[in-house]
């Protein structure tokens, strides 16, 4: 007796089960009502072509499989489509992207095995981005940058550590060297199990990396309908222009820039801005000299002639004369420099797995692609920091010497606090 051909609903259920998503998580990732998804899976309704394409993306399969045109549930290589257009000249970038995508899948497998539930395909926390079509009108980008800052309670202040901030928003950031001279600056990937993930070209200058993170953040919030996007200077289509404009206004809000200009000594003296003012503001906003110069020009604080002239100055030389270091864009973490490629939450989780025996030192070294000595050093540095901090308690009164005025019911603290919580506090 012939086995009956699976219906569309049965294939939808099977594809969802294979990705490890329950109905609610899948409905959230698809931006549809859970009841509708249930109707589709029970063949009570039929999804349209647009929804079928989104279902295939979220479940890492093909429309042909869902419709029964093929029995092969997975694409031959779902990573290959993400970097297919990279050429031979992008060899280093292509290698870095492949390595990163493999790491993400391995990380998802490990997290799922040890901790169970994963966030799944990411959804924007900005209401204006919760639409079926990506937002690509650059004229909307400045207002959306302000809106995003408001939702994140950032005010007008510079963000001390953008990587930690994005981590606090469950946007996983990694860095890999894709080539100092490469025009590939980064990539956004809406991972089916980890949600929003960002890769930044660590070969670029620190200020450029800051801009790339904010640029890829724009892709995550407003272009998450795409599975993945590679950002490169040679491609300036509508999504890239939108992300550029969003990043510039997110990192350097117009009102904050105006106040910074007013504080400059040159402005107070009634003179035009000089290059040293630009370097000081670059330091304040933690962005590159080139970007700050562009923001000043775009807001009308300098004219084109001044922009062209100041463009010829060396920001490094100007900074040295002012005795400031404009390369300090990233907060230093208490971990070996080889691990700076990974976001704080990854390092915290690896440390927790090492402590509870879920991960061995050799396995951690293989996962993070670093020597075992680096992982051992991570363990020693965490322990040493804890010992240093414990010394202070010997100099303070013990709990037994203190009589509390009253007692509250407090939730238990986690054994290893995440750095993401501190990032929320600074944000």
Protein backbone atom coordinates (compact mmCIF):
# COMPACT_ATOMS: atom_id res chain seq x y z
CA UNK A 1 0.00 0.00 0.00
CA UNK A 2 1.38 3.37 -1.04
CA UNK A 3 2.23 5.84 1.69
CA UNK A 4 -0.03 8.89 1.37
CA UNK A 5 1.70 12.08 0.26
CA UNK A 6 2.08 14.53 3.18
CA UNK A 7 -0.25 17.51 2.94
CA UNK A 8 0.97 21.11 3.02
CA UNK A 9 -0.10 21.35 6.65
CA UNK A 10 1.82 18.20 7.58
CA UNK A 11 4.96 19.52 5.89
CA UNK A 12 4.58 22.83 7.71
CA UNK A 13 4.36 21.03 11.05
CA UNK A 14 7.34 18.82 10.22
CA UNK A 15 9.47 21.78 9.09
CA UNK A 16 8.63 23.75 12.24
CA UNK A 17 9.40 20.78 14.50
CA UNK A 18 12.75 20.32 12.78
CA UNK A 19 13.78 23.89 13.64
CA UNK A 20 12.82 23.40 17.30
CA UNK A 21 10.20 26.18 17.33
CA UNK A 22 6.83 25.90 19.02
CA UNK A 23 3.79 27.48 17.36
CA UNK A 24 3.99 30.74 19.28
CA UNK A 25 7.71 31.22 18.59
CA UNK A 26 7.18 30.44 14.91
CA UNK A 27 4.20 32.80 14.67
CA UNK A 28 6.29 35.58 16.25
CA UNK A 29 9.15 34.96 13.81
CA UNK A 30 6.69 34.99 10.90
CA UNK A 31 4.85 38.06 12.24
CA UNK A 32 1.49 36.26 11.95
CA UNK A 33 -1.19 35.27 14.44
CA UNK A 34 -0.67 31.86 16.06
CA UNK A 35 -4.25 30.89 15.18
CA UNK A 36 -3.53 31.45 11.50
CA UNK A 37 -0.42 29.29 11.75
CA UNK A 38 -2.49 26.57 13.41
CA UNK A 39 -5.06 26.75 10.59
CA UNK A 40 -2.27 26.36 8.00
CA UNK A 41 -0.78 23.37 9.80
CA UNK A 42 -4.18 21.67 10.01
CA UNK A 43 -5.03 22.38 6.35
CA UNK A 44 -7.98 24.56 7.33
CA UNK A 45 -6.50 27.47 5.39
CA UNK A 46 -3.77 27.82 2.76
CA UNK A 47 -1.00 30.43 3.09
CA UNK A 48 -0.37 32.71 0.13
CA UNK A 49 2.90 32.71 -1.84
CA UNK A 50 4.43 35.55 0.20
CA UNK A 51 3.75 33.70 3.43
CA UNK A 52 5.06 30.45 1.94
CA UNK A 53 8.34 32.18 1.11
CA UNK A 54 8.61 33.53 4.66
CA UNK A 55 7.77 30.08 6.09
CA UNK A 56 10.53 28.54 3.98
CA UNK A 57 13.04 31.17 5.20
CA UNK A 58 12.17 30.77 8.88
CA UNK A 59 12.23 26.95 8.67
CA UNK A 60 15.43 26.87 6.54
CA UNK A 61 13.73 24.91 3.78
CA UNK A 62 12.30 25.60 0.31
CA UNK A 63 8.88 26.48 -1.05
CA UNK A 64 9.19 23.47 -3.37
CA UNK A 65 9.49 21.16 -0.36
CA UNK A 66 6.51 22.71 1.42
CA UNK A 67 4.38 22.34 -1.71
CA UNK A 68 5.49 18.73 -2.24
CA UNK A 69 7.45 19.38 -5.45
CA UNK A 70 10.53 17.80 -3.81
CA UNK A 71 11.14 15.50 -0.86
CA UNK A 72 14.44 17.21 0.00
CA UNK A 73 13.54 19.32 3.09
CA UNK A 74 16.71 21.42 3.29
CA UNK A 75 18.61 23.57 0.87
CA UNK A 76 21.94 21.97 -0.16
CA UNK A 77 23.85 24.68 1.73
CA UNK A 78 21.74 27.40 3.32
CA UNK A 79 24.92 29.35 4.14
CA UNK A 80 26.08 29.47 0.53
CA UNK A 81 23.23 31.76 -0.53
CA UNK A 82 24.35 34.34 2.05
CA UNK A 83 27.75 34.93 0.49
CA UNK A 84 27.19 33.62 -3.05
CA UNK A 85 27.87 37.02 -4.66
CA UNK A 86 31.31 37.41 -3.06
CA UNK A 87 34.07 37.10 -5.66
CA UNK A 88 37.59 35.74 -5.62
CA UNK A 89 38.81 39.18 -4.58
CA UNK A 90 36.78 38.76 -1.37
CA UNK A 91 38.60 35.58 -0.35
CA UNK A 92 39.43 36.72 3.20
CA UNK A 93 35.93 38.13 3.76
CA UNK A 94 34.34 34.95 2.40
CA UNK A 95 36.47 32.78 4.69
CA UNK A 96 35.56 34.93 7.71
CA UNK A 97 31.84 34.79 6.90
CA UNK A 98 31.88 31.00 6.47
CA UNK A 99 33.72 30.60 9.76
CA UNK A 100 31.25 32.90 11.55
CA UNK A 101 28.16 31.19 10.17
CA UNK A 102 29.55 27.79 11.18
CA UNK A 103 30.27 29.14 14.67
CA UNK A 104 26.69 30.41 15.00
CA UNK A 105 25.25 27.00 14.15
CA UNK A 106 27.66 25.30 16.57
CA UNK A 107 26.82 27.87 19.25
CA UNK A 108 23.09 27.29 18.74
CA UNK A 109 23.61 23.52 19.03
CA UNK A 110 25.58 23.93 22.27
CA UNK A 111 23.14 26.41 23.84
CA UNK A 112 20.19 24.21 22.89
CA UNK A 113 21.84 21.10 24.35
CA UNK A 114 22.85 22.76 27.66
CA UNK A 115 20.19 25.41 28.27
CA UNK A 116 17.31 24.20 26.11
CA UNK A 117 15.14 27.00 24.72
CA UNK A 118 16.64 29.54 22.31
CA UNK A 119 15.12 32.89 21.25
CA UNK A 120 14.55 31.85 17.63
CA UNK A 121 14.39 34.15 14.62
CA UNK A 122 14.59 37.73 15.88
CA UNK A 123 11.89 40.38 15.80
CA UNK A 124 12.46 44.12 16.10
CA UNK A 125 11.62 45.94 19.32
CA UNK A 126 10.86 49.11 17.31
CA UNK A 127 7.14 49.13 16.37
CA UNK A 128 7.80 50.97 13.12
CA UNK A 129 9.89 48.03 11.95
CA UNK A 130 7.17 45.43 12.50
CA UNK A 131 5.88 45.53 8.96
CA UNK A 132 5.84 42.99 6.16
CA UNK A 133 8.11 45.07 3.94
CA UNK A 134 11.54 46.48 4.93
CA UNK A 135 11.77 50.22 5.69
CA UNK A 136 14.08 51.70 3.01
CA UNK A 137 13.18 55.41 2.81
CA UNK A 138 16.30 57.23 4.04
CA UNK A 139 14.22 60.31 4.82
CA UNK A 140 12.65 58.36 7.69
CA UNK A 141 15.98 57.20 9.11
CA UNK A 142 16.79 60.25 11.32
CA UNK A 143 13.40 60.15 13.07
CA UNK A 144 13.63 56.37 13.50
CA UNK A 145 17.10 56.74 15.01
CA UNK A 146 15.67 59.20 17.57
CA UNK A 147 12.73 56.86 18.18
CA UNK A 148 15.06 53.90 18.79
CA UNK A 149 17.10 55.91 21.29
CA UNK A 150 13.90 56.87 23.11
CA UNK A 151 12.72 53.26 23.30
CA UNK A 152 16.13 52.25 24.68
CA UNK A 153 16.19 55.17 27.15
CA UNK A 154 19.53 56.36 25.79
CA UNK A 155 18.90 60.09 25.85
CA UNK A 156 21.51 62.07 23.89
CA UNK A 157 24.61 60.59 25.49
CA UNK A 158 27.24 58.69 23.56
CA UNK A 159 26.98 54.93 24.02
CA UNK A 160 30.06 53.85 26.05
CA UNK A 161 30.15 50.34 24.58
CA UNK A 162 27.94 49.68 21.58
CA UNK A 163 28.78 45.97 21.49
CA UNK A 164 27.62 45.51 25.10
CA UNK A 165 24.51 47.62 24.41
CA UNK A 166 23.51 45.46 21.44
CA UNK A 167 24.22 42.38 23.56
CA UNK A 168 21.78 43.69 26.15
CA UNK A 169 19.15 43.82 23.39
CA UNK A 170 19.81 40.16 22.48
CA UNK A 171 21.65 41.14 19.30
CA UNK A 172 24.70 38.88 19.14
CA UNK A 173 27.82 40.68 17.84
CA UNK A 174 31.10 39.10 16.73
CA UNK A 175 34.20 40.49 15.07
CA UNK A 176 36.38 38.83 12.45
CA UNK A 177 39.16 40.20 10.27
CA UNK A 178 37.75 40.39 6.74
CA UNK A 179 40.66 42.45 5.45
CA UNK A 180 41.84 45.96 6.26
CA UNK A 181 41.38 47.05 2.66
CA UNK A 182 38.16 45.13 2.07
CA UNK A 183 35.00 47.09 1.30
CA UNK A 184 33.03 44.41 3.18
CA UNK A 185 32.32 46.08 6.52
CA UNK A 186 29.96 43.55 8.11
CA UNK A 187 26.93 41.32 7.87
CA UNK A 188 23.51 40.96 9.44
CA UNK A 189 22.01 37.49 9.79
CA UNK A 190 18.60 36.65 11.25
CA UNK A 191 19.58 33.22 12.54
CA UNK A 192 16.64 30.80 12.76
CA UNK A 193 17.58 29.77 16.34
CA UNK A 194 19.69 32.62 17.73
CA UNK A 195 17.80 35.58 16.29
CA UNK A 196 19.63 38.77 15.30
CA UNK A 197 23.38 38.28 14.75
CA UNK A 198 25.94 40.82 13.53
CA UNK A 199 29.47 40.37 12.20
CA UNK A 200 31.89 43.33 12.08
CA UNK A 201 35.12 43.57 10.09
CA UNK A 202 37.77 43.87 12.83
CA UNK A 203 40.33 44.82 10.19
CA UNK A 204 38.76 48.28 9.97
CA UNK A 205 39.53 51.16 12.33
CA UNK A 206 37.64 51.24 15.68
CA UNK A 207 35.49 54.20 14.65
CA UNK A 208 34.51 52.45 11.45
CA UNK A 209 33.60 49.34 13.45
CA UNK A 210 31.29 51.44 15.64
CA UNK A 211 29.51 52.70 12.55
CA UNK A 212 29.25 49.17 11.14
CA UNK A 213 27.59 47.92 14.33
CA UNK A 214 25.00 50.71 14.19
CA UNK A 215 24.55 50.11 10.44
CA UNK A 216 23.89 46.39 10.97
CA UNK A 217 21.59 47.26 13.87
CA UNK A 218 19.46 49.19 11.36
CA UNK A 219 19.30 46.06 9.18
CA UNK A 220 18.19 44.03 12.20
CA UNK A 221 15.44 46.45 13.24
CA UNK A 222 14.08 47.39 9.83
CA UNK A 223 15.28 44.75 7.33
CA UNK A 224 14.89 41.61 9.46
CA UNK A 225 12.54 40.20 6.83
CA UNK A 226 15.71 39.24 4.96
CA UNK A 227 17.62 36.18 6.12
CA UNK A 228 20.97 37.93 5.78
CA UNK A 229 22.60 41.03 4.29
CA UNK A 230 26.27 41.70 3.57
CA UNK A 231 27.25 45.37 3.83
CA UNK A 232 29.95 46.72 1.54
CA UNK A 233 30.99 50.21 0.49
CA UNK A 234 30.67 49.44 -3.24
CA UNK A 235 26.95 48.64 -2.92
CA UNK A 236 24.68 51.57 -2.08
CA UNK A 237 21.14 50.44 -2.77
CA UNK A 238 18.17 51.75 -0.78
CA UNK A 239 18.58 49.48 2.25
CA UNK A 240 22.26 50.38 2.59
CA UNK A 241 21.61 54.10 2.28
CA UNK A 242 18.89 53.85 4.91
CA UNK A 243 21.21 51.94 7.28
CA UNK A 244 23.99 54.51 6.73
CA UNK A 245 21.69 57.40 7.60
CA UNK A 246 20.21 55.60 10.61
CA UNK A 247 23.67 54.74 11.97
CA UNK A 248 24.92 58.33 11.63
CA UNK A 249 21.95 59.78 13.52
CA UNK A 250 21.84 56.97 16.09
CA UNK A 251 25.50 57.45 17.03
CA UNK A 252 25.49 61.25 16.76
CA UNK A 253 22.00 62.67 17.40
CA UNK A 254 21.43 66.10 15.86
CA UNK A 255 20.50 67.76 19.15
CA UNK A 256 23.54 66.31 20.92
CA UNK A 257 25.78 67.48 18.08
CA UNK A 258 24.37 71.00 18.30
CA UNK A 259 25.06 71.14 22.03
CA UNK A 260 28.59 69.82 21.48
CA UNK A 261 29.26 72.51 18.88
CA UNK A 262 28.01 75.18 21.27
CA UNK A 263 30.46 73.96 23.92
CA UNK A 264 33.47 74.28 21.62
CA UNK A 265 35.95 77.02 22.52
CA UNK A 266 36.00 78.25 18.93
CA UNK A 267 32.21 78.69 18.92
CA UNK A 268 32.25 80.50 22.27
CA UNK A 269 34.88 82.86 20.89
CA UNK A 270 32.74 83.55 17.83
CA UNK A 271 35.14 81.75 15.49
CA UNK A 272 34.38 78.82 13.13
CA UNK A 273 35.08 75.27 14.23
CA UNK A 274 38.70 74.20 13.89
CA UNK A 275 40.05 70.66 13.29
CA UNK A 276 40.86 70.26 16.98
CA UNK A 277 37.18 70.81 17.78
CA UNK A 278 36.33 67.98 15.39
CA UNK A 279 38.78 65.62 17.11
CA UNK A 280 37.43 66.52 20.56
CA UNK A 281 33.86 65.81 19.42
CA UNK A 282 35.02 62.61 17.72
CA UNK A 283 36.31 61.49 21.09
CA UNK A 284 33.07 62.54 22.82
CA UNK A 285 30.81 60.61 20.45
CA UNK A 286 33.23 57.66 20.03
CA UNK A 287 33.04 57.71 16.26
CA UNK A 288 35.57 58.20 13.48
CA UNK A 289 36.92 61.61 12.46
CA UNK A 290 35.50 61.11 8.95
CA UNK A 291 32.00 60.36 10.22
CA UNK A 292 31.98 63.30 12.64
CA UNK A 293 33.12 65.58 9.83
CA UNK A 294 30.27 64.30 7.63
CA UNK A 295 27.72 64.85 10.41
CA UNK A 296 28.94 68.43 10.91
CA UNK A 297 28.58 69.06 7.19
CA UNK A 298 25.18 67.35 6.89
CA UNK A 299 23.80 69.50 9.73
CA UNK A 300 25.24 72.71 8.26
CA UNK A 301 27.84 73.38 10.98
CA UNK A 302 30.63 73.53 8.37
CA UNK A 303 30.53 74.29 4.64
CA UNK A 304 31.84 72.16 1.78
CA UNK A 305 35.08 74.12 1.52
CA UNK A 306 35.82 73.55 5.20
CA UNK A 307 34.90 69.89 4.90
CA UNK A 308 37.30 69.44 1.98
CA UNK A 309 40.09 71.24 3.82
CA UNK A 310 39.68 69.42 7.14
CA UNK A 311 39.52 66.13 5.27
CA UNK A 312 43.23 66.58 4.50
CA UNK A 313 44.26 66.68 8.17
CA UNK A 314 45.48 63.61 10.01
CA UNK A 315 43.15 63.01 12.98
CA UNK A 316 45.83 60.90 14.65
CA UNK A 317 48.33 63.77 14.53
CA UNK A 318 45.74 66.24 15.79
CA UNK A 319 44.82 63.89 18.64
CA UNK A 320 48.48 63.45 19.62
CA UNK A 321 48.88 67.22 19.90
CA UNK A 322 45.84 67.27 22.20
CA UNK A 323 47.20 64.27 24.16
CA UNK A 324 44.04 62.23 23.60
CA UNK A 325 43.54 58.74 22.19
CA UNK A 326 40.73 58.56 19.65
CA UNK A 327 41.16 54.80 19.22
CA UNK A 328 39.48 54.05 22.55
CA UNK A 329 36.04 53.17 21.28
CA UNK A 330 35.59 49.86 23.01
CA UNK A 331 35.40 49.06 26.70
CA UNK A 332 38.16 46.71 27.84
CA UNK A 333 36.83 43.44 29.22
CA UNK A 334 38.58 41.23 31.73
CA UNK A 335 39.35 38.54 29.17
CA UNK A 336 42.25 37.70 26.83
CA UNK A 337 42.46 39.90 23.69
CA UNK A 338 42.01 36.82 21.47
CA UNK A 339 38.43 36.64 22.76
CA UNK A 340 37.56 40.25 21.94
CA UNK A 341 35.95 38.96 18.77
CA UNK A 342 33.00 37.65 20.80
CA UNK A 343 30.22 39.55 22.57
CA UNK A 344 30.14 39.62 26.40
CA UNK A 345 27.23 37.18 26.61
CA UNK A 346 29.17 34.53 24.67
CA UNK A 347 32.20 34.83 26.95
CA UNK A 348 30.00 34.77 30.06
CA UNK A 349 28.16 31.67 28.84
CA UNK A 350 31.35 29.83 27.87
CA UNK A 351 32.76 30.58 31.34
CA UNK A 352 29.57 29.25 32.97
CA UNK A 353 29.73 26.08 30.87
CA UNK A 354 33.37 25.59 31.84
CA UNK A 355 32.52 26.05 35.50
CA UNK A 356 29.62 23.60 35.57
CA UNK A 357 31.35 21.01 33.42
CA UNK A 358 29.11 21.38 30.37
CA UNK A 359 32.15 22.32 28.27
CA UNK A 360 35.76 21.19 28.50
CA UNK A 361 38.74 23.47 27.90
CA UNK A 362 39.67 21.70 24.61
CA UNK A 363 36.05 21.87 23.40
CA UNK A 364 35.81 25.57 24.29
CA UNK A 365 39.08 26.27 22.49
CA UNK A 366 37.81 24.46 19.39
CA UNK A 367 34.47 26.29 19.47
CA UNK A 368 36.07 29.74 19.86
CA UNK A 369 38.96 28.92 17.50
CA UNK A 370 41.65 29.91 20.01
CA UNK A 371 44.51 28.01 21.69
CA UNK A 372 43.66 26.10 24.86
CA UNK A 373 46.01 28.40 26.77
CA UNK A 374 43.68 31.32 26.03
CA UNK A 375 40.71 29.50 27.55
CA UNK A 376 42.79 28.56 30.60
CA UNK A 377 43.81 32.21 30.94
CA UNK A 378 40.15 33.22 30.80
CA UNK A 379 39.42 30.94 33.74
CA UNK A 380 42.35 32.28 35.75
CA UNK A 381 41.44 35.91 35.07
CA UNK A 382 37.85 35.41 36.17
CA UNK A 383 39.02 33.70 39.36
CA UNK A 384 41.64 36.38 40.06
CA UNK A 385 39.12 39.19 39.61
CA UNK A 386 36.83 37.43 42.05
CA UNK A 387 39.66 37.05 44.59
CA UNK A 388 40.58 40.74 44.30
CA UNK A 389 36.99 41.75 44.87
CA UNK A 390 36.65 39.45 47.86
CA UNK A 391 39.52 41.23 49.64
CA UNK A 392 37.30 44.25 50.25
CA UNK A 393 34.89 42.22 52.39
CA UNK A 394 37.64 41.55 54.92
CA UNK A 395 37.88 45.31 55.49
CA UNK A 396 34.14 45.82 56.00
CA UNK A 397 31.82 44.82 58.85
CA UNK A 398 30.52 41.26 58.54
CA UNK A 399 26.77 40.65 58.08
CA UNK A 400 26.66 39.34 61.65
CA UNK A 401 27.80 42.75 62.88
CA UNK A 402 24.95 44.56 61.14
CA UNK A 403 21.36 44.78 62.36
CA UNK A 404 19.06 45.31 59.35
CA UNK A 405 16.30 47.86 59.89
CA UNK A 406 13.85 45.58 58.09
CA UNK A 407 13.85 42.56 55.81
CA UNK A 408 12.70 42.37 52.20
CA UNK A 409 12.13 39.32 50.03
CA UNK A 410 14.86 39.41 47.38
CA UNK A 411 15.14 37.18 44.33
CA UNK A 412 18.19 34.95 44.26
CA UNK A 413 21.11 36.30 42.25
CA UNK A 414 22.63 34.20 39.52
CA UNK A 415 25.96 32.51 40.20
CA UNK A 416 27.66 34.26 37.29
CA UNK A 417 26.13 37.69 36.56
CA UNK A 418 25.97 38.60 32.89
CA UNK A 419 27.77 41.66 31.65
CA UNK A 420 24.66 42.37 29.61
CA UNK A 421 22.91 43.46 32.82
CA UNK A 422 25.59 46.08 33.45
CA UNK A 423 25.24 47.22 29.85
CA UNK A 424 21.56 47.89 30.47
CA UNK A 425 22.44 50.01 33.47
CA UNK A 426 24.91 52.12 31.52
CA UNK A 427 22.42 52.45 28.63
